[in-house]
Amino acid sequence: MDRPGPLMRITPGDMSMLTLRTDDEVERALQALTSDGRSRSEAVRTAILAAERAQRRALLRAEAESLRNDPDEVAASRELTAEMDAIRAW
């Protein structure tokens, strides 16, 4: 069971344990995230996974933007599209 206060240990099943220190801002956020009845552990796990997904999406967006702005990549994409259109015509 989670301990209230500035030190929290998360021990879900066979997973590893995470200890973190919280300040007033984090405590307020945890209160908001647990207002629906979720445990502090579940709120933290959910937040970590959401942050990782957001980071992954940001990296993919940056990569896509880089490709979109690369003249060589744009030319290769147009060339491939033309080749695929030619094949489809058959």
PDB file of N, CA and C in Angstrom:
ATOM      1  N   MET A   1       0.839  -1.172   0.000  1.00  0.00           N
ATOM      2  CA  MET A   1       0.000   0.000   0.000  1.00  0.00           C
ATOM      3  C   MET A   1       0.888   1.240   0.000  1.00  0.00           C
ATOM      4  N   ASP A   2       0.486   2.286  -0.684  1.00  0.00           N
ATOM      5  CA  ASP A   2       1.264   3.511  -0.767  1.00  0.00           C
ATOM      6  C   ASP A   2       1.226   4.271   0.544  1.00  0.00           C
ATOM      7  N   ARG A   3       2.336   4.875   0.860  1.00  0.00           N
ATOM      8  CA  ARG A   3       2.399   5.745   2.026  1.00  0.00           C
ATOM      9  C   ARG A   3       2.103   7.163   1.582  1.00  0.00           C
ATOM     10  N   PRO A   4       1.278   7.865   2.302  1.00  0.00           N
ATOM     11  CA  PRO A   4       1.107   9.278   1.964  1.00  0.00           C
ATOM     12  C   PRO A   4       2.358  10.049   2.351  1.00  0.00           C
ATOM     13  N   GLY A   5       2.566  11.161   1.739  1.00  0.00           N
ATOM     14  CA  GLY A   5       3.692  12.006   2.107  1.00  0.00           C
ATOM     15  C   GLY A   5       4.694  12.137   0.980  1.00  0.00           C
ATOM     16  N   PRO A   6       5.828  12.724   1.298  1.00  0.00           N
ATOM     17  CA  PRO A   6       6.774  13.084   0.248  1.00  0.00           C
ATOM     18  C   PRO A   6       7.581  11.924  -0.313  1.00  0.00           C
ATOM     19  N   LEU A   7       7.525  10.766   0.271  1.00  0.00           N
ATOM     20  CA  LEU A   7       8.275   9.625  -0.242  1.00  0.00           C
ATOM     21  C   LEU A   7       7.288   8.541  -0.624  1.00  0.00           C
ATOM     22  N   MET A   8       7.376   8.046  -1.846  1.00  0.00           N
ATOM     23  CA  MET A   8       6.419   7.053  -2.309  1.00  0.00           C
ATOM     24  C   MET A   8       7.185   5.913  -2.950  1.00  0.00           C
ATOM     25  N   ARG A   9       6.797   4.701  -2.661  1.00  0.00           N
ATOM     26  CA  ARG A   9       7.382   3.525  -3.290  1.00  0.00           C
ATOM     27  C   ARG A   9       6.302   2.850  -4.103  1.00  0.00           C
ATOM     28  N   ILE A  10       6.661   2.496  -5.335  1.00  0.00           N
ATOM     29  CA  ILE A  10       5.713   1.825  -6.214  1.00  0.00           C
ATOM     30  C   ILE A  10       6.187   0.388  -6.371  1.00  0.00           C
ATOM     31  N   THR A  11       5.356  -0.575  -5.975  1.00  0.00           N
ATOM     32  CA  THR A  11       5.741  -1.978  -6.077  1.00  0.00           C
ATOM     33  C   THR A  11       4.608  -2.784  -6.701  1.00  0.00           C
ATOM     34  N   PRO A  12       4.333  -2.579  -7.996  1.00  0.00           N
ATOM     35  CA  PRO A  12       3.259  -3.331  -8.648  1.00  0.00           C
ATOM     36  C   PRO A  12       3.712  -4.735  -9.039  1.00  0.00           C
ATOM     37  N   GLY A  13       3.167  -5.728  -8.389  1.00  0.00           N
ATOM     38  CA  GLY A  13       3.434  -7.120  -8.743  1.00  0.00           C
ATOM     39  C   GLY A  13       4.914  -7.462  -8.780  1.00  0.00           C
ATOM     40  N   ASP A  14       5.354  -8.015  -9.899  1.00  0.00           N
ATOM     41  CA  ASP A  14       6.746  -8.425 -10.059  1.00  0.00           C
ATOM     42  C   ASP A  14       7.620  -7.313 -10.621  1.00  0.00           C
ATOM     43  N   MET A  15       7.087  -6.127 -10.704  1.00  0.00           N
ATOM     44  CA  MET A  15       7.840  -5.017 -11.264  1.00  0.00           C
ATOM     45  C   MET A  15       8.838  -4.486 -10.254  1.00  0.00           C
ATOM     46  N   SER A  16       9.762  -3.686 -10.748  1.00  0.00           N
ATOM     47  CA  SER A  16      10.739  -3.087  -9.856  1.00  0.00           C
ATOM     48  C   SER A  16      10.106  -1.948  -9.070  1.00  0.00           C
ATOM     49  N   MET A  17      10.805  -1.515  -8.049  1.00  0.00           N
ATOM     50  CA  MET A  17      10.292  -0.467  -7.183  1.00  0.00           C
ATOM     51  C   MET A  17      10.921   0.860  -7.572  1.00  0.00           C
ATOM     52  N   LEU A  18      10.128   1.910  -7.497  1.00  0.00           N
ATOM     53  CA  LEU A  18      10.585   3.266  -7.775  1.00  0.00           C
ATOM     54  C   LEU A  18      10.291   4.121  -6.554  1.00  0.00           C
ATOM     55  N   THR A  19      11.292   4.822  -6.095  1.00  0.00           N
ATOM     56  CA  THR A  19      11.106   5.743  -4.976  1.00  0.00           C
ATOM     57  C   THR A  19      11.323   7.144  -5.508  1.00  0.00           C
ATOM     58  N   LEU A  20      10.409   8.037  -5.161  1.00  0.00           N
ATOM     59  CA  LEU A  20      10.586   9.406  -5.606  1.00  0.00           C
ATOM     60  C   LEU A  20      10.176  10.373  -4.531  1.00  0.00           C
ATOM     61  N   ARG A  21      10.768  11.534  -4.579  1.00  0.00           N
ATOM     62  CA  ARG A  21      10.428  12.596  -3.639  1.00  0.00           C
ATOM     63  C   ARG A  21       9.467  13.537  -4.345  1.00  0.00           C
ATOM     64  N   THR A  22       8.454  13.956  -3.623  1.00  0.00           N
ATOM     65  CA  THR A  22       7.468  14.857  -4.207  1.00  0.00           C
ATOM     66  C   THR A  22       7.496  16.197  -3.482  1.00  0.00           C
ATOM     67  N   ASP A  23       7.181  17.230  -4.234  1.00  0.00           N
ATOM     68  CA  ASP A  23       7.034  18.551  -3.629  1.00  0.00           C
ATOM     69  C   ASP A  23       5.543  18.900  -3.630  1.00  0.00           C
ATOM     70  N   ASP A  24       5.215  20.099  -3.218  1.00  0.00           N
ATOM     71  CA  ASP A  24       3.805  20.488  -3.135  1.00  0.00           C
ATOM     72  C   ASP A  24       3.104  20.412  -4.495  1.00  0.00           C
ATOM     73  N   GLU A  25       3.798  20.831  -5.547  1.00  0.00           N
ATOM     74  CA  GLU A  25       3.197  20.806  -6.885  1.00  0.00           C
ATOM     75  C   GLU A  25       2.869  19.381  -7.316  1.00  0.00           C
ATOM     76  N   VAL A  26       3.796  18.458  -7.075  1.00  0.00           N
ATOM     77  CA  VAL A  26       3.577  17.053  -7.437  1.00  0.00           C
ATOM     78  C   VAL A  26       2.470  16.460  -6.578  1.00  0.00           C
ATOM     79  N   GLU A  27       2.444  16.805  -5.302  1.00  0.00           N
ATOM     80  CA  GLU A  27       1.378  16.303  -4.428  1.00  0.00           C
ATOM     81  C   GLU A  27       0.005  16.772  -4.917  1.00  0.00           C
ATOM     82  N   ARG A  28      -0.094  18.048  -5.337  1.00  0.00           N
ATOM     83  CA  ARG A  28      -1.369  18.545  -5.868  1.00  0.00           C
ATOM     84  C   ARG A  28      -1.749  17.794  -7.136  1.00  0.00           C
ATOM     85  N   ALA A  29      -0.768  17.553  -8.000  1.00  0.00           N
ATOM     86  CA  ALA A  29      -1.036  16.810  -9.233  1.00  0.00           C
ATOM     87  C   ALA A  29      -1.492  15.393  -8.916  1.00  0.00           C
ATOM     88  N   LEU A  30      -0.838  14.751  -7.961  1.00  0.00           N
ATOM     89  CA  LEU A  30      -1.236  13.399  -7.570  1.00  0.00           C
ATOM     90  C   LEU A  30      -2.647  13.380  -6.989  1.00  0.00           C
ATOM     91  N   GLN A  31      -2.980  14.386  -6.207  1.00  0.00           N
ATOM     92  CA  GLN A  31      -4.339  14.459  -5.673  1.00  0.00           C
ATOM     93  C   GLN A  31      -5.345  14.560  -6.815  1.00  0.00           C
ATOM     94  N   ALA A  32      -5.045  15.379  -7.812  1.00  0.00           N
ATOM     95  CA  ALA A  32      -5.948  15.521  -8.955  1.00  0.00           C
ATOM     96  C   ALA A  32      -6.052  14.207  -9.735  1.00  0.00           C
ATOM     97  N   LEU A  33      -4.917  13.540  -9.926  1.00  0.00           N
ATOM     98  CA  LEU A  33      -4.900  12.297 -10.695  1.00  0.00           C
ATOM     99  C   LEU A  33      -5.529  11.120  -9.960  1.00  0.00           C
ATOM    100  N   THR A  34      -5.633  11.220  -8.651  1.00  0.00           N
ATOM    101  CA  THR A  34      -6.223  10.122  -7.875  1.00  0.00           C
ATOM    102  C   THR A  34      -7.635  10.447  -7.399  1.00  0.00           C
ATOM    103  N   SER A  35      -8.166  11.574  -7.811  1.00  0.00           N
ATOM    104  CA  SER A  35      -9.506  11.978  -7.361  1.00  0.00           C
ATOM    105  C   SER A  35     -10.590  11.033  -7.874  1.00  0.00           C
ATOM    106  N   ASP A  36     -10.279  10.249  -8.911  1.00  0.00           N
ATOM    107  CA  ASP A  36     -11.246   9.287  -9.452  1.00  0.00           C
ATOM    108  C   ASP A  36     -11.150   7.924  -8.764  1.00  0.00           C
ATOM    109  N   GLY A  37     -10.326   7.834  -7.741  1.00  0.00           N
ATOM    110  CA  GLY A  37     -10.205   6.580  -7.010  1.00  0.00           C
ATOM    111  C   GLY A  37      -8.977   5.765  -7.365  1.00  0.00           C
ATOM    112  N   ARG A  38      -8.236   6.190  -8.372  1.00  0.00           N
ATOM    113  CA  ARG A  38      -7.007   5.467  -8.721  1.00  0.00           C
ATOM    114  C   ARG A  38      -6.000   5.597  -7.594  1.00  0.00           C
ATOM    115  N   SER A  39      -5.164   4.602  -7.453  1.00  0.00           N
ATOM    116  CA  SER A  39      -4.101   4.659  -6.452  1.00  0.00           C
ATOM    117  C   SER A  39      -3.002   5.608  -6.936  1.00  0.00           C
ATOM    118  N   ARG A  40      -2.191   6.047  -6.001  1.00  0.00           N
ATOM    119  CA  ARG A  40      -1.054   6.887  -6.361  1.00  0.00           C
ATOM    120  C   ARG A  40      -0.120   6.139  -7.300  1.00  0.00           C
ATOM    121  N   SER A  41       0.076   4.861  -7.046  1.00  0.00           N
ATOM    122  CA  SER A  41       0.951   4.056  -7.900  1.00  0.00           C
ATOM    123  C   SER A  41       0.423   4.007  -9.333  1.00  0.00           C
ATOM    124  N   GLU A  42      -0.868   3.763  -9.467  1.00  0.00           N
ATOM    125  CA  GLU A  42      -1.459   3.692 -10.807  1.00  0.00           C
ATOM    126  C   GLU A  42      -1.362   5.045 -11.506  1.00  0.00           C
ATOM    127  N   ALA A  43      -1.591   6.124 -10.773  1.00  0.00           N
ATOM    128  CA  ALA A  43      -1.496   7.463 -11.366  1.00  0.00           C
ATOM    129  C   ALA A  43      -0.073   7.730 -11.859  1.00  0.00           C
ATOM    130  N   VAL A  44       0.923   7.340 -11.079  1.00  0.00           N
ATOM    131  CA  VAL A  44       2.317   7.552 -11.477  1.00  0.00           C
ATOM    132  C   VAL A  44       2.665   6.684 -12.681  1.00  0.00           C
ATOM    133  N   ARG A  45       2.265   5.412 -12.661  1.00  0.00           N
ATOM    134  CA  ARG A  45       2.535   4.532 -13.811  1.00  0.00           C
ATOM    135  C   ARG A  45       1.902   5.093 -15.072  1.00  0.00           C
ATOM    136  N   THR A  46       0.643   5.519 -14.969  1.00  0.00           N
ATOM    137  CA  THR A  46      -0.060   6.074 -16.119  1.00  0.00           C
ATOM    138  C   THR A  46       0.647   7.320 -16.637  1.00  0.00           C
ATOM    139  N   ALA A  47       1.076   8.185 -15.724  1.00  0.00           N
ATOM    140  CA  ALA A  47       1.761   9.419 -16.125  1.00  0.00           C
ATOM    141  C   ALA A  47       3.095   9.130 -16.803  1.00  0.00           C
ATOM    142  N   ILE A  48       3.840   8.160 -16.290  1.00  0.00           N
ATOM    143  CA  ILE A  48       5.127   7.804 -16.895  1.00  0.00           C
ATOM    144  C   ILE A  48       4.909   7.258 -18.300  1.00  0.00           C
ATOM    145  N   LEU A  49       3.937   6.376 -18.468  1.00  0.00           N
ATOM    146  CA  LEU A  49       3.666   5.818 -19.791  1.00  0.00           C
ATOM    147  C   LEU A  49       3.184   6.891 -20.760  1.00  0.00           C
ATOM    148  N   ALA A  50       2.351   7.810 -20.286  1.00  0.00           N
ATOM    149  CA  ALA A  50       1.882   8.904 -21.142  1.00  0.00           C
ATOM    150  C   ALA A  50       3.049   9.803 -21.554  1.00  0.00           C
ATOM    151  N   ALA A  51       3.960  10.065 -20.639  1.00  0.00           N
ATOM    152  CA  ALA A  51       5.124  10.895 -20.947  1.00  0.00           C
ATOM    153  C   ALA A  51       6.017  10.208 -21.976  1.00  0.00           C
ATOM    154  N   GLU A  52       6.187   8.902 -21.852  1.00  0.00           N
ATOM    155  CA  GLU A  52       7.011   8.164 -22.815  1.00  0.00           C
ATOM    156  C   GLU A  52       6.365   8.181 -24.194  1.00  0.00           C
ATOM    157  N   ARG A  53       5.044   7.985 -24.249  1.00  0.00           N
ATOM    158  CA  ARG A  53       4.346   8.044 -25.544  1.00  0.00           C
ATOM    159  C   ARG A  53       4.457   9.426 -26.168  1.00  0.00           C
ATOM    160  N   ALA A  54       4.314  10.458 -25.359  1.00  0.00           N
ATOM    161  CA  ALA A  54       4.429  11.832 -25.866  1.00  0.00           C
ATOM    162  C   ALA A  54       5.839  12.090 -26.399  1.00  0.00           C
ATOM    163  N   GLN A  55       6.840  11.597 -25.691  1.00  0.00           N
ATOM    164  CA  GLN A  55       8.215  11.762 -26.149  1.00  0.00           C
ATOM    165  C   GLN A  55       8.440  11.028 -27.472  1.00  0.00           C
ATOM    166  N   ARG A  56       7.917   9.797 -27.573  1.00  0.00           N
ATOM    167  CA  ARG A  56       8.062   9.020 -28.800  1.00  0.00           C
ATOM    168  C   ARG A  56       7.390   9.733 -29.971  1.00  0.00           C
ATOM    169  N   ARG A  57       6.165  10.264 -29.735  1.00  0.00           N
ATOM    170  CA  ARG A  57       5.458  11.002 -30.793  1.00  0.00           C
ATOM    171  C   ARG A  57       6.233  12.249 -31.213  1.00  0.00           C
ATOM    172  N   ALA A  58       6.807  12.946 -30.248  1.00  0.00           N
ATOM    173  CA  ALA A  58       7.585  14.150 -30.560  1.00  0.00           C
ATOM    174  C   ALA A  58       8.806  13.802 -31.405  1.00  0.00           C
ATOM    175  N   LEU A  59       9.462  12.698 -31.077  1.00  0.00           N
ATOM    176  CA  LEU A  59      10.620  12.271 -31.865  1.00  0.00           C
ATOM    177  C   LEU A  59      10.209  11.888 -33.285  1.00  0.00           C
ATOM    178  N   LEU A  60       9.091  11.173 -33.409  1.00  0.00           N
ATOM    179  CA  LEU A  60       8.606  10.800 -34.739  1.00  0.00           C
ATOM    180  C   LEU A  60       8.212  12.027 -35.546  1.00  0.00           C
ATOM    181  N   ARG A  61       7.553  12.992 -34.882  1.00  0.00           N
ATOM    182  CA  ARG A  61       7.189  14.239 -35.564  1.00  0.00           C
ATOM    183  C   ARG A  61       8.427  14.971 -36.061  1.00  0.00           C
ATOM    184  N   ALA A  62       9.447  15.050 -35.217  1.00  0.00           N
ATOM    185  CA  ALA A  62      10.686  15.727 -35.593  1.00  0.00           C
ATOM    186  C   ALA A  62      11.354  15.016 -36.769  1.00  0.00           C
ATOM    187  N   GLU A  63      11.351  13.680 -36.749  1.00  0.00           N
ATOM    188  CA  GLU A  63      11.940  12.922 -37.852  1.00  0.00           C
ATOM    189  C   GLU A  63      11.159  13.155 -39.141  1.00  0.00           C
ATOM    190  N   ALA A  64       9.831  13.135 -39.046  1.00  0.00           N
ATOM    191  CA  ALA A  64       9.001  13.368 -40.231  1.00  0.00           C
ATOM    192  C   ALA A  64       9.223  14.767 -40.777  1.00  0.00           C
ATOM    193  N   GLU A  65       9.318  15.736 -39.897  1.00  0.00           N
ATOM    194  CA  GLU A  65       9.567  17.129 -40.314  1.00  0.00           C
ATOM    195  C   GLU A  65      10.917  17.240 -41.006  1.00  0.00           C
ATOM    196  N   SER A  66      11.908  16.561 -40.458  1.00  0.00           N
ATOM    197  CA  SER A  66      13.242  16.569 -41.054  1.00  0.00           C
ATOM    198  C   SER A  66      13.212  15.969 -42.459  1.00  0.00           C
ATOM    199  N   LEU A  67      12.507  14.854 -42.612  1.00  0.00           N
ATOM    200  CA  LEU A  67      12.395  14.223 -43.931  1.00  0.00           C
ATOM    201  C   LEU A  67      11.636  15.116 -44.909  1.00  0.00           C
ATOM    202  N   ARG A  68      10.590  15.756 -44.418  1.00  0.00           N
ATOM    203  CA  ARG A  68       9.782  16.624 -45.268  1.00  0.00           C
ATOM    204  C   ARG A  68      10.581  17.825 -45.769  1.00  0.00           C
ATOM    205  N   ASN A  69      11.539  18.261 -44.973  1.00  0.00           N
ATOM    206  CA  ASN A  69      12.346  19.427 -45.343  1.00  0.00           C
ATOM    207  C   ASN A  69      13.657  19.076 -46.038  1.00  0.00           C
ATOM    208  N   ASP A  70      13.884  17.797 -46.274  1.00  0.00           N
ATOM    209  CA  ASP A  70      15.117  17.347 -46.934  1.00  0.00           C
ATOM    210  C   ASP A  70      14.842  17.200 -48.431  1.00  0.00           C
ATOM    211  N   PRO A  71      15.439  18.034 -49.264  1.00  0.00           N
ATOM    212  CA  PRO A  71      15.168  17.982 -50.714  1.00  0.00           C
ATOM    213  C   PRO A  71      15.450  16.605 -51.333  1.00  0.00           C
ATOM    214  N   ASP A  72      16.491  15.932 -50.860  1.00  0.00           N
ATOM    215  CA  ASP A  72      16.799  14.596 -51.394  1.00  0.00           C
ATOM    216  C   ASP A  72      15.692  13.602 -51.054  1.00  0.00           C
ATOM    217  N   GLU A  73      15.176  13.662 -49.828  1.00  0.00           N
ATOM    218  CA  GLU A  73      14.093  12.765 -49.432  1.00  0.00           C
ATOM    219  C   GLU A  73      12.813  13.067 -50.201  1.00  0.00           C
ATOM    220  N   VAL A  74      12.528  14.343 -50.404  1.00  0.00           N
ATOM    221  CA  VAL A  74      11.335  14.728 -51.168  1.00  0.00           C
ATOM    222  C   VAL A  74      11.452  14.227 -52.594  1.00  0.00           C
ATOM    223  N   ALA A  75      12.620  14.386 -53.200  1.00  0.00           N
ATOM    224  CA  ALA A  75      12.833  13.916 -54.577  1.00  0.00           C
ATOM    225  C   ALA A  75      12.682  12.397 -54.648  1.00  0.00           C
ATOM    226  N   ALA A  76      13.250  11.679 -53.674  1.00  0.00           N
ATOM    227  CA  ALA A  76      13.138  10.217 -53.673  1.00  0.00           C
ATOM    228  C   ALA A  76      11.681   9.795 -53.512  1.00  0.00           C
ATOM    229  N   SER A  77      10.936  10.494 -52.677  1.00  0.00           N
ATOM    230  CA  SER A  77       9.526  10.174 -52.487  1.00  0.00           C
ATOM    231  C   SER A  77       8.736  10.398 -53.769  1.00  0.00           C
ATOM    232  N   ARG A  78       9.005  11.505 -54.436  1.00  0.00           N
ATOM    233  CA  ARG A  78       8.310  11.785 -55.705  1.00  0.00           C
ATOM    234  C   ARG A  78       8.667  10.743 -56.769  1.00  0.00           C
ATOM    235  N   GLU A  79       9.923  10.335 -56.786  1.00  0.00           N
ATOM    236  CA  GLU A  79      10.355   9.322 -57.745  1.00  0.00           C
ATOM    237  C   GLU A  79       9.650   7.993 -57.468  1.00  0.00           C
ATOM    238  N   LEU A  80       9.573   7.620 -56.231  1.00  0.00           N
ATOM    239  CA  LEU A  80       8.887   6.380 -55.865  1.00  0.00           C
ATOM    240  C   LEU A  80       7.406   6.448 -56.213  1.00  0.00           C
ATOM    241  N   THR A  81       6.786   7.591 -55.968  1.00  0.00           N
ATOM    242  CA  THR A  81       5.375   7.759 -56.314  1.00  0.00           C
ATOM    243  C   THR A  81       5.169   7.603 -57.812  1.00  0.00           C
ATOM    244  N   ALA A  82       6.056   8.175 -58.613  1.00  0.00           N
ATOM    245  CA  ALA A  82       5.954   8.057 -60.076  1.00  0.00           C
ATOM    246  C   ALA A  82       6.114   6.602 -60.503  1.00  0.00           C
ATOM    247  N   GLU A  83       7.050   5.889 -59.878  1.00  0.00           N
ATOM    248  CA  GLU A  83       7.249   4.470 -60.202  1.00  0.00           C
ATOM    249  C   GLU A  83       6.008   3.655 -59.845  1.00  0.00           C
ATOM    250  N   MET A  84       5.431   3.935 -58.697  1.00  0.00           N
ATOM    251  CA  MET A  84       4.239   3.197 -58.274  1.00  0.00           C
ATOM    252  C   MET A  84       3.061   3.514 -59.195  1.00  0.00           C
ATOM    253  N   ASP A  85       2.933   4.779 -59.616  1.00  0.00           N
ATOM    254  CA  ASP A  85       1.868   5.127 -60.567  1.00  0.00           C
ATOM    255  C   ASP A  85       2.049   4.390 -61.893  1.00  0.00           C
ATOM    256  N   ALA A  86       3.301   4.246 -62.333  1.00  0.00           N
ATOM    257  CA  ALA A  86       3.564   3.536 -63.591  1.00  0.00           C
ATOM    258  C   ALA A  86       3.197   2.059 -63.449  1.00  0.00           C
ATOM    259  N   ILE A  87       3.516   1.471 -62.330  1.00  0.00           N
ATOM    260  CA  ILE A  87       3.179   0.056 -62.108  1.00  0.00           C
ATOM    261  C   ILE A  87       1.658  -0.123 -62.049  1.00  0.00           C
ATOM    262  N   ARG A  88       0.987   0.799 -61.399  1.00  0.00           N
ATOM    263  CA  ARG A  88      -0.459   0.709 -61.253  1.00  0.00           C
ATOM    264  C   ARG A  88      -1.169   0.814 -62.623  1.00  0.00           C
ATOM    265  N   ALA A  89      -0.546   1.534 -63.547  1.00  0.00           N
ATOM    266  CA  ALA A  89      -1.131   1.706 -64.878  1.00  0.00           C
ATOM    267  C   ALA A  89      -1.199   0.390 -65.623  1.00  0.00           C
ATOM    268  N   TRP A  90      -0.387  -0.558 -65.270  1.00  0.00           N
ATOM    269  CA  TRP A  90      -0.381  -1.854 -65.947  1.00  0.00           C
ATOM    270  C   TRP A  90      -1.565  -2.611 -65.485  1.00  0.00           C
TER     271      TRP A  90
END
